[in-house]
């Protein structure tokens, strides 16, 4: 399974279509992938597993989200006042 994920990440170009977010506005998609990345990383690292499968979410949110949003959210996560549930 890790090989398949690594292959997808290697061939990654841009965020694929996600049927949960069919509209043109991709703000929610950006936010959800940011949350999914941090949840995935937290879950796998707490089990002592490698977090490389989570890189998919990171690549998606990096291609969808404005850099200023990601920087703001990262700061909020570090400070412990991020509004989302991670």
PDB file of N, CA and C in Angstrom:
ATOM      1  N   UNK A   1       0.815  -1.192   0.000  1.00  0.00           N
ATOM      2  CA  UNK A   1       0.000   0.000   0.000  1.00  0.00           C
ATOM      3  C   UNK A   1       0.859   1.257   0.000  1.00  0.00           C
ATOM      4  N   UNK A   2       1.936   1.225   0.767  1.00  0.00           N
ATOM      5  CA  UNK A   2       2.820   2.391   0.811  1.00  0.00           C
ATOM      6  C   UNK A   2       3.437   2.655  -0.558  1.00  0.00           C
ATOM      7  N   UNK A   3       3.704   1.585  -1.307  1.00  0.00           N
ATOM      8  CA  UNK A   3       4.260   1.760  -2.647  1.00  0.00           C
ATOM      9  C   UNK A   3       3.286   2.477  -3.565  1.00  0.00           C
ATOM     10  N   UNK A   4       1.992   2.132  -3.447  1.00  0.00           N
ATOM     11  CA  UNK A   4       0.976   2.781  -4.274  1.00  0.00           C
ATOM     12  C   UNK A   4       0.863   4.257  -3.924  1.00  0.00           C
ATOM     13  N   UNK A   5       0.929   4.577  -2.646  1.00  0.00           N
ATOM     14  CA  UNK A   5       0.842   5.972  -2.206  1.00  0.00           C
ATOM     15  C   UNK A   5       2.078   6.732  -2.678  1.00  0.00           C
ATOM     16  N   UNK A   6       3.251   6.108  -2.533  1.00  0.00           N
ATOM     17  CA  UNK A   6       4.480   6.756  -2.991  1.00  0.00           C
ATOM     18  C   UNK A   6       4.430   7.018  -4.494  1.00  0.00           C
ATOM     19  N   UNK A   7       3.843   6.076  -5.244  1.00  0.00           N
ATOM     20  CA  UNK A   7       3.716   6.244  -6.696  1.00  0.00           C
ATOM     21  C   UNK A   7       2.789   7.404  -7.031  1.00  0.00           C
ATOM     22  N   UNK A   8       1.670   7.526  -6.298  1.00  0.00           N
ATOM     23  CA  UNK A   8       0.739   8.632  -6.521  1.00  0.00           C
ATOM     24  C   UNK A   8       1.400   9.965  -6.214  1.00  0.00           C
ATOM     25  N   UNK A   9       2.143  10.016  -5.115  1.00  0.00           N
ATOM     26  CA  UNK A   9       2.817  11.260  -4.741  1.00  0.00           C
ATOM     27  C   UNK A   9       3.875  11.622  -5.784  1.00  0.00           C
ATOM     28  N   UNK A  10       4.577  10.626  -6.289  1.00  0.00           N
ATOM     29  CA  UNK A  10       5.615  10.875  -7.286  1.00  0.00           C
ATOM     30  C   UNK A  10       5.015  11.455  -8.575  1.00  0.00           C
ATOM     31  N   UNK A  11       3.841  10.981  -8.956  1.00  0.00           N
ATOM     32  CA  UNK A  11       3.197  11.434 -10.187  1.00  0.00           C
ATOM     33  C   UNK A  11       2.241  12.610  -9.972  1.00  0.00           C
ATOM     34  N   UNK A  12       2.246  13.176  -8.802  1.00  0.00           N
ATOM     35  CA  UNK A  12       1.329  14.260  -8.453  1.00  0.00           C
ATOM     36  C   UNK A  12       1.604  15.502  -9.282  1.00  0.00           C
ATOM     37  N   UNK A  13       0.558  16.090  -9.827  1.00  0.00           N
ATOM     38  CA  UNK A  13       0.687  17.336 -10.584  1.00  0.00           C
ATOM     39  C   UNK A  13      -0.090  18.461  -9.900  1.00  0.00           C
ATOM     40  N   UNK A  14      -1.374  18.232  -9.680  1.00  0.00           N
ATOM     41  CA  UNK A  14      -2.217  19.206  -9.004  1.00  0.00           C
ATOM     42  C   UNK A  14      -3.346  18.459  -8.313  1.00  0.00           C
ATOM     43  N   UNK A  15      -4.084  19.156  -7.499  1.00  0.00           N
ATOM     44  CA  UNK A  15      -5.152  18.517  -6.724  1.00  0.00           C
ATOM     45  C   UNK A  15      -6.190  17.890  -7.642  1.00  0.00           C
ATOM     46  N   UNK A  16      -6.495  16.614  -7.432  1.00  0.00           N
ATOM     47  CA  UNK A  16      -7.507  15.960  -8.264  1.00  0.00           C
ATOM     48  C   UNK A  16      -8.908  16.389  -7.860  1.00  0.00           C
ATOM     49  N   UNK A  17      -9.883  16.057  -8.695  1.00  0.00           N
ATOM     50  CA  UNK A  17     -11.274  16.373  -8.382  1.00  0.00           C
ATOM     51  C   UNK A  17     -11.698  15.606  -7.136  1.00  0.00           C
ATOM     52  N   UNK A  18     -12.373  16.282  -6.241  1.00  0.00           N
ATOM     53  CA  UNK A  18     -12.913  15.668  -5.022  1.00  0.00           C
ATOM     54  C   UNK A  18     -14.417  15.888  -5.034  1.00  0.00           C
ATOM     55  N   UNK A  19     -15.173  14.813  -5.109  1.00  0.00           N
ATOM     56  CA  UNK A  19     -16.631  14.929  -5.239  1.00  0.00           C
ATOM     57  C   UNK A  19     -17.287  15.537  -4.009  1.00  0.00           C
ATOM     58  N   UNK A  20     -16.575  15.615  -2.888  1.00  0.00           N
ATOM     59  CA  UNK A  20     -17.140  16.283  -1.709  1.00  0.00           C
ATOM     60  C   UNK A  20     -17.216  17.794  -1.916  1.00  0.00           C
ATOM     61  N   UNK A  21     -16.417  18.313  -2.837  1.00  0.00           N
ATOM     62  CA  UNK A  21     -16.346  19.749  -3.086  1.00  0.00           C
ATOM     63  C   UNK A  21     -16.513  20.023  -4.576  1.00  0.00           C
ATOM     64  N   UNK A  22     -17.741  19.896  -5.109  1.00  0.00           N
ATOM     65  CA  UNK A  22     -17.944  20.006  -6.556  1.00  0.00           C
ATOM     66  C   UNK A  22     -17.950  21.436  -7.093  1.00  0.00           C
ATOM     67  N   UNK A  23     -18.081  22.415  -6.238  1.00  0.00           N
ATOM     68  CA  UNK A  23     -18.187  23.797  -6.691  1.00  0.00           C
ATOM     69  C   UNK A  23     -16.823  24.399  -7.025  1.00  0.00           C
ATOM     70  N   UNK A  24     -16.861  25.530  -7.680  1.00  0.00           N
ATOM     71  CA  UNK A  24     -15.637  26.206  -8.076  1.00  0.00           C
ATOM     72  C   UNK A  24     -14.844  26.691  -6.868  1.00  0.00           C
ATOM     73  N   UNK A  25     -15.528  27.175  -5.845  1.00  0.00           N
ATOM     74  CA  UNK A  25     -14.863  27.669  -4.652  1.00  0.00           C
ATOM     75  C   UNK A  25     -14.245  26.490  -3.891  1.00  0.00           C
ATOM     76  N   UNK A  26     -12.934  26.466  -3.799  1.00  0.00           N
ATOM     77  CA  UNK A  26     -12.224  25.344  -3.185  1.00  0.00           C
ATOM     78  C   UNK A  26     -11.711  25.652  -1.784  1.00  0.00           C
ATOM     79  N   UNK A  27     -12.265  26.667  -1.140  1.00  0.00           N
ATOM     80  CA  UNK A  27     -11.827  27.051   0.195  1.00  0.00           C
ATOM     81  C   UNK A  27     -12.006  25.905   1.183  1.00  0.00           C
ATOM     82  N   UNK A  28     -13.167  25.296   1.179  1.00  0.00           N
ATOM     83  CA  UNK A  28     -13.440  24.198   2.111  1.00  0.00           C
ATOM     84  C   UNK A  28     -12.533  22.997   1.818  1.00  0.00           C
ATOM     85  N   UNK A  29     -12.281  22.740   0.550  1.00  0.00           N
ATOM     86  CA  UNK A  29     -11.391  21.650   0.162  1.00  0.00           C
ATOM     87  C   UNK A  29      -9.989  21.899   0.722  1.00  0.00           C
ATOM     88  N   UNK A  30      -9.515  23.105   0.593  1.00  0.00           N
ATOM     89  CA  UNK A  30      -8.212  23.495   1.115  1.00  0.00           C
ATOM     90  C   UNK A  30      -8.150  23.239   2.625  1.00  0.00           C
ATOM     91  N   UNK A  31      -9.124  23.741   3.346  1.00  0.00           N
ATOM     92  CA  UNK A  31      -9.171  23.617   4.806  1.00  0.00           C
ATOM     93  C   UNK A  31      -9.269  22.157   5.224  1.00  0.00           C
ATOM     94  N   UNK A  32     -10.109  21.375   4.566  1.00  0.00           N
ATOM     95  CA  UNK A  32     -10.302  19.975   4.922  1.00  0.00           C
ATOM     96  C   UNK A  32      -9.033  19.169   4.714  1.00  0.00           C
ATOM     97  N   UNK A  33      -8.313  19.432   3.639  1.00  0.00           N
ATOM     98  CA  UNK A  33      -7.060  18.710   3.405  1.00  0.00           C
ATOM     99  C   UNK A  33      -5.991  19.115   4.411  1.00  0.00           C
ATOM    100  N   UNK A  34      -6.010  20.363   4.850  1.00  0.00           N
ATOM    101  CA  UNK A  34      -5.087  20.799   5.904  1.00  0.00           C
ATOM    102  C   UNK A  34      -5.374  20.022   7.188  1.00  0.00           C
ATOM    103  N   UNK A  35      -6.659  19.941   7.554  1.00  0.00           N
ATOM    104  CA  UNK A  35      -7.043  19.179   8.745  1.00  0.00           C
ATOM    105  C   UNK A  35      -6.683  17.702   8.589  1.00  0.00           C
ATOM    106  N   UNK A  36      -6.988  17.129   7.425  1.00  0.00           N
ATOM    107  CA  UNK A  36      -6.715  15.713   7.190  1.00  0.00           C
ATOM    108  C   UNK A  36      -5.226  15.403   7.319  1.00  0.00           C
ATOM    109  N   UNK A  37      -4.376  16.294   6.828  1.00  0.00           N
ATOM    110  CA  UNK A  37      -2.934  16.089   6.945  1.00  0.00           C
ATOM    111  C   UNK A  37      -2.515  16.033   8.407  1.00  0.00           C
ATOM    112  N   UNK A  38      -2.972  16.993   9.187  1.00  0.00           N
ATOM    113  CA  UNK A  38      -2.561  17.037  10.591  1.00  0.00           C
ATOM    114  C   UNK A  38      -3.167  15.889  11.400  1.00  0.00           C
ATOM    115  N   UNK A  39      -4.390  15.517  11.102  1.00  0.00           N
ATOM    116  CA  UNK A  39      -5.013  14.376  11.781  1.00  0.00           C
ATOM    117  C   UNK A  39      -4.280  13.084  11.447  1.00  0.00           C
ATOM    118  N   UNK A  40      -3.966  12.908  10.179  1.00  0.00           N
ATOM    119  CA  UNK A  40      -3.249  11.716   9.727  1.00  0.00           C
ATOM    120  C   UNK A  40      -1.872  11.640  10.389  1.00  0.00           C
ATOM    121  N   UNK A  41      -1.151  12.744  10.373  1.00  0.00           N
ATOM    122  CA  UNK A  41       0.181  12.786  10.976  1.00  0.00           C
ATOM    123  C   UNK A  41       0.120  12.477  12.466  1.00  0.00           C
ATOM    124  N   UNK A  42      -0.845  13.056  13.139  1.00  0.00           N
ATOM    125  CA  UNK A  42      -0.996  12.843  14.577  1.00  0.00           C
ATOM    126  C   UNK A  42      -1.333  11.388  14.880  1.00  0.00           C
ATOM    127  N   UNK A  43      -2.254  10.817  14.106  1.00  0.00           N
ATOM    128  CA  UNK A  43      -2.679   9.440  14.338  1.00  0.00           C
ATOM    129  C   UNK A  43      -1.546   8.447  14.083  1.00  0.00           C
ATOM    130  N   UNK A  44      -0.831   8.607  12.973  1.00  0.00           N
ATOM    131  CA  UNK A  44       0.229   7.662  12.644  1.00  0.00           C
ATOM    132  C   UNK A  44       1.435   7.810  13.565  1.00  0.00           C
ATOM    133  N   UNK A  45       1.785   9.040  13.910  1.00  0.00           N
ATOM    134  CA  UNK A  45       2.946   9.228  14.786  1.00  0.00           C
ATOM    135  C   UNK A  45       2.660   8.732  16.198  1.00  0.00           C
ATOM    136  N   UNK A  46       1.402   8.816  16.643  1.00  0.00           N
ATOM    137  CA  UNK A  46       1.070   8.310  17.980  1.00  0.00           C
ATOM    138  C   UNK A  46       1.155   6.784  18.028  1.00  0.00           C
ATOM    139  N   UNK A  47       0.997   6.136  16.875  1.00  0.00           N
ATOM    140  CA  UNK A  47       1.120   4.675  16.797  1.00  0.00           C
ATOM    141  C   UNK A  47       2.546   4.237  16.478  1.00  0.00           C
ATOM    142  N   UNK A  48       3.434   5.203  16.281  1.00  0.00           N
ATOM    143  CA  UNK A  48       4.817   4.897  15.963  1.00  0.00           C
ATOM    144  C   UNK A  48       5.034   4.491  14.524  1.00  0.00           C
ATOM    145  N   UNK A  49       4.096   4.818  13.658  1.00  0.00           N
ATOM    146  CA  UNK A  49       4.209   4.466  12.250  1.00  0.00           C
ATOM    147  C   UNK A  49       4.753   5.639  11.448  1.00  0.00           C
ATOM    148  N   UNK A  50       5.218   5.328  10.247  1.00  0.00           N
ATOM    149  CA  UNK A  50       5.740   6.352   9.356  1.00  0.00           C
ATOM    150  C   UNK A  50       4.585   7.210   8.823  1.00  0.00           C
ATOM    151  N   UNK A  51       4.806   8.507   8.717  1.00  0.00           N
ATOM    152  CA  UNK A  51       3.748   9.435   8.303  1.00  0.00           C
ATOM    153  C   UNK A  51       3.786   9.768   6.817  1.00  0.00           C
ATOM    154  N   UNK A  52       4.524   9.018   6.025  1.00  0.00           N
ATOM    155  CA  UNK A  52       4.620   9.327   4.594  1.00  0.00           C
ATOM    156  C   UNK A  52       3.284   9.253   3.857  1.00  0.00           C
ATOM    157  N   UNK A  53       2.326   8.395   4.243  1.00  0.00           N
ATOM    158  CA  UNK A  53       1.031   8.421   3.548  1.00  0.00           C
ATOM    159  C   UNK A  53       0.299   9.760   3.687  1.00  0.00           C
ATOM    160  N   UNK A  54       0.613  10.510   4.712  1.00  0.00           N
ATOM    161  CA  UNK A  54      -0.038  11.793   4.957  1.00  0.00           C
ATOM    162  C   UNK A  54       0.439  12.877   3.991  1.00  0.00           C
ATOM    163  N   UNK A  55       1.550  12.633   3.335  1.00  0.00           N
ATOM    164  CA  UNK A  55       2.104  13.625   2.412  1.00  0.00           C
ATOM    165  C   UNK A  55       1.138  13.968   1.282  1.00  0.00           C
ATOM    166  N   UNK A  56       0.250  13.030   0.948  1.00  0.00           N
ATOM    167  CA  UNK A  56      -0.739  13.295  -0.109  1.00  0.00           C
ATOM    168  C   UNK A  56      -1.588  14.511   0.269  1.00  0.00           C
ATOM    169  N   UNK A  57      -2.105  14.531   1.496  1.00  0.00           N
ATOM    170  CA  UNK A  57      -2.933  15.647   1.955  1.00  0.00           C
ATOM    171  C   UNK A  57      -2.145  16.950   1.945  1.00  0.00           C
ATOM    172  N   UNK A  58      -0.883  16.863   2.332  1.00  0.00           N
ATOM    173  CA  UNK A  58      -0.044  18.067   2.357  1.00  0.00           C
ATOM    174  C   UNK A  58       0.136  18.636   0.960  1.00  0.00           C
ATOM    175  N   UNK A  59       0.385  17.770  -0.010  1.00  0.00           N
ATOM    176  CA  UNK A  59       0.547  18.253  -1.385  1.00  0.00           C
ATOM    177  C   UNK A  59      -0.734  18.882  -1.916  1.00  0.00           C
ATOM    178  N   UNK A  60      -1.876  18.284  -1.556  1.00  0.00           N
ATOM    179  CA  UNK A  60      -3.149  18.826  -2.028  1.00  0.00           C
ATOM    180  C   UNK A  60      -3.392  20.196  -1.410  1.00  0.00           C
ATOM    181  N   UNK A  61      -3.245  20.319  -0.091  1.00  0.00           N
ATOM    182  CA  UNK A  61      -3.527  21.629   0.502  1.00  0.00           C
ATOM    183  C   UNK A  61      -2.497  22.670   0.089  1.00  0.00           C
ATOM    184  N   UNK A  62      -1.253  22.253  -0.152  1.00  0.00           N
ATOM    185  CA  UNK A  62      -0.250  23.213  -0.627  1.00  0.00           C
ATOM    186  C   UNK A  62      -0.588  23.740  -2.024  1.00  0.00           C
ATOM    187  N   UNK A  63      -1.236  22.917  -2.844  1.00  0.00           N
ATOM    188  CA  UNK A  63      -1.580  23.379  -4.190  1.00  0.00           C
ATOM    189  C   UNK A  63      -2.880  24.174  -4.207  1.00  0.00           C
ATOM    190  N   UNK A  64      -3.741  23.992  -3.203  1.00  0.00           N
ATOM    191  CA  UNK A  64      -5.022  24.695  -3.176  1.00  0.00           C
ATOM    192  C   UNK A  64      -5.017  25.962  -2.318  1.00  0.00           C
ATOM    193  N   UNK A  65      -4.316  25.932  -1.212  1.00  0.00           N
ATOM    194  CA  UNK A  65      -4.400  27.016  -0.223  1.00  0.00           C
ATOM    195  C   UNK A  65      -3.406  28.144  -0.507  1.00  0.00           C
ATOM    196  N   UNK A  66      -3.834  29.379  -0.276  1.00  0.00           N
ATOM    197  CA  UNK A  66      -2.880  30.487  -0.329  1.00  0.00           C
ATOM    198  C   UNK A  66      -1.828  30.326   0.778  1.00  0.00           C
ATOM    199  N   UNK A  67      -0.617  30.695   0.489  1.00  0.00           N
ATOM    200  CA  UNK A  67       0.488  30.539   1.432  1.00  0.00           C
ATOM    201  C   UNK A  67       0.203  31.285   2.734  1.00  0.00           C
ATOM    202  N   UNK A  68      -0.412  32.454   2.644  1.00  0.00           N
ATOM    203  CA  UNK A  68      -0.690  33.233   3.852  1.00  0.00           C
ATOM    204  C   UNK A  68      -1.631  32.488   4.796  1.00  0.00           C
ATOM    205  N   UNK A  69      -2.593  31.756   4.251  1.00  0.00           N
ATOM    206  CA  UNK A  69      -3.501  30.975   5.102  1.00  0.00           C
ATOM    207  C   UNK A  69      -2.748  29.877   5.828  1.00  0.00           C
ATOM    208  N   UNK A  70      -1.898  29.164   5.085  1.00  0.00           N
ATOM    209  CA  UNK A  70      -1.157  28.047   5.673  1.00  0.00           C
ATOM    210  C   UNK A  70      -0.225  28.554   6.766  1.00  0.00           C
ATOM    211  N   UNK A  71       0.449  29.672   6.516  1.00  0.00           N
ATOM    212  CA  UNK A  71       1.334  30.245   7.524  1.00  0.00           C
ATOM    213  C   UNK A  71       0.555  30.634   8.778  1.00  0.00           C
ATOM    214  N   UNK A  72      -0.618  31.239   8.591  1.00  0.00           N
ATOM    215  CA  UNK A  72      -1.452  31.634   9.719  1.00  0.00           C
ATOM    216  C   UNK A  72      -1.905  30.406  10.503  1.00  0.00           C
ATOM    217  N   UNK A  73      -2.364  29.377   9.794  1.00  0.00           N
ATOM    218  CA  UNK A  73      -2.836  28.160  10.462  1.00  0.00           C
ATOM    219  C   UNK A  73      -1.694  27.457  11.188  1.00  0.00           C
ATOM    220  N   UNK A  74      -0.510  27.403  10.568  1.00  0.00           N
ATOM    221  CA  UNK A  74       0.643  26.775  11.219  1.00  0.00           C
ATOM    222  C   UNK A  74       0.995  27.495  12.515  1.00  0.00           C
ATOM    223  N   UNK A  75       0.941  28.810  12.483  1.00  0.00           N
ATOM    224  CA  UNK A  75       1.211  29.601  13.686  1.00  0.00           C
ATOM    225  C   UNK A  75       0.170  29.307  14.760  1.00  0.00           C
ATOM    226  N   UNK A  76      -1.097  29.228  14.348  1.00  0.00           N
ATOM    227  CA  UNK A  76      -2.161  28.932  15.300  1.00  0.00           C
ATOM    228  C   UNK A  76      -2.007  27.533  15.900  1.00  0.00           C
ATOM    229  N   UNK A  77      -1.613  26.560  15.076  1.00  0.00           N
ATOM    230  CA  UNK A  77      -1.398  25.201  15.586  1.00  0.00           C
ATOM    231  C   UNK A  77      -0.274  25.206  16.610  1.00  0.00           C
ATOM    232  N   UNK A  78       0.821  25.901  16.318  1.00  0.00           N
ATOM    233  CA  UNK A  78       1.953  25.982  17.235  1.00  0.00           C
ATOM    234  C   UNK A  78       1.576  26.664  18.538  1.00  0.00           C
ATOM    235  N   UNK A  79       0.751  27.711  18.453  1.00  0.00           N
ATOM    236  CA  UNK A  79       0.330  28.451  19.643  1.00  0.00           C
ATOM    237  C   UNK A  79      -0.778  27.760  20.416  1.00  0.00           C
ATOM    238  N   UNK A  80      -1.386  26.747  19.809  1.00  0.00           N
ATOM    239  CA  UNK A  80      -2.447  26.009  20.487  1.00  0.00           C
ATOM    240  C   UNK A  80      -3.809  26.652  20.403  1.00  0.00           C
ATOM    241  N   UNK A  81      -4.003  27.585  19.471  1.00  0.00           N
ATOM    242  CA  UNK A  81      -5.308  28.241  19.353  1.00  0.00           C
ATOM    243  C   UNK A  81      -5.923  28.081  17.963  1.00  0.00           C
ATOM    244  N   UNK A  82      -5.604  26.971  17.295  1.00  0.00           N
ATOM    245  CA  UNK A  82      -6.186  26.693  15.978  1.00  0.00           C
ATOM    246  C   UNK A  82      -7.654  26.321  16.165  1.00  0.00           C
ATOM    247  N   UNK A  83      -8.553  26.926  15.368  1.00  0.00           N
ATOM    248  CA  UNK A  83      -9.984  26.715  15.578  1.00  0.00           C
ATOM    249  C   UNK A  83     -10.492  25.328  15.159  1.00  0.00           C
ATOM    250  N   UNK A  84      -9.751  24.614  14.330  1.00  0.00           N
ATOM    251  CA  UNK A  84     -10.195  23.296  13.879  1.00  0.00           C
ATOM    252  C   UNK A  84      -9.858  22.211  14.877  1.00  0.00           C
ATOM    253  N   UNK A  85     -10.520  21.065  14.728  1.00  0.00           N
ATOM    254  CA  UNK A  85     -10.263  19.933  15.620  1.00  0.00           C
ATOM    255  C   UNK A  85      -9.250  19.006  14.967  1.00  0.00           C
ATOM    256  N   UNK A  86      -8.050  18.999  15.511  1.00  0.00           N
ATOM    257  CA  UNK A  86      -6.985  18.142  14.985  1.00  0.00           C
ATOM    258  C   UNK A  86      -6.774  17.004  15.952  1.00  0.00           C
TER     259      UNK A  86
END
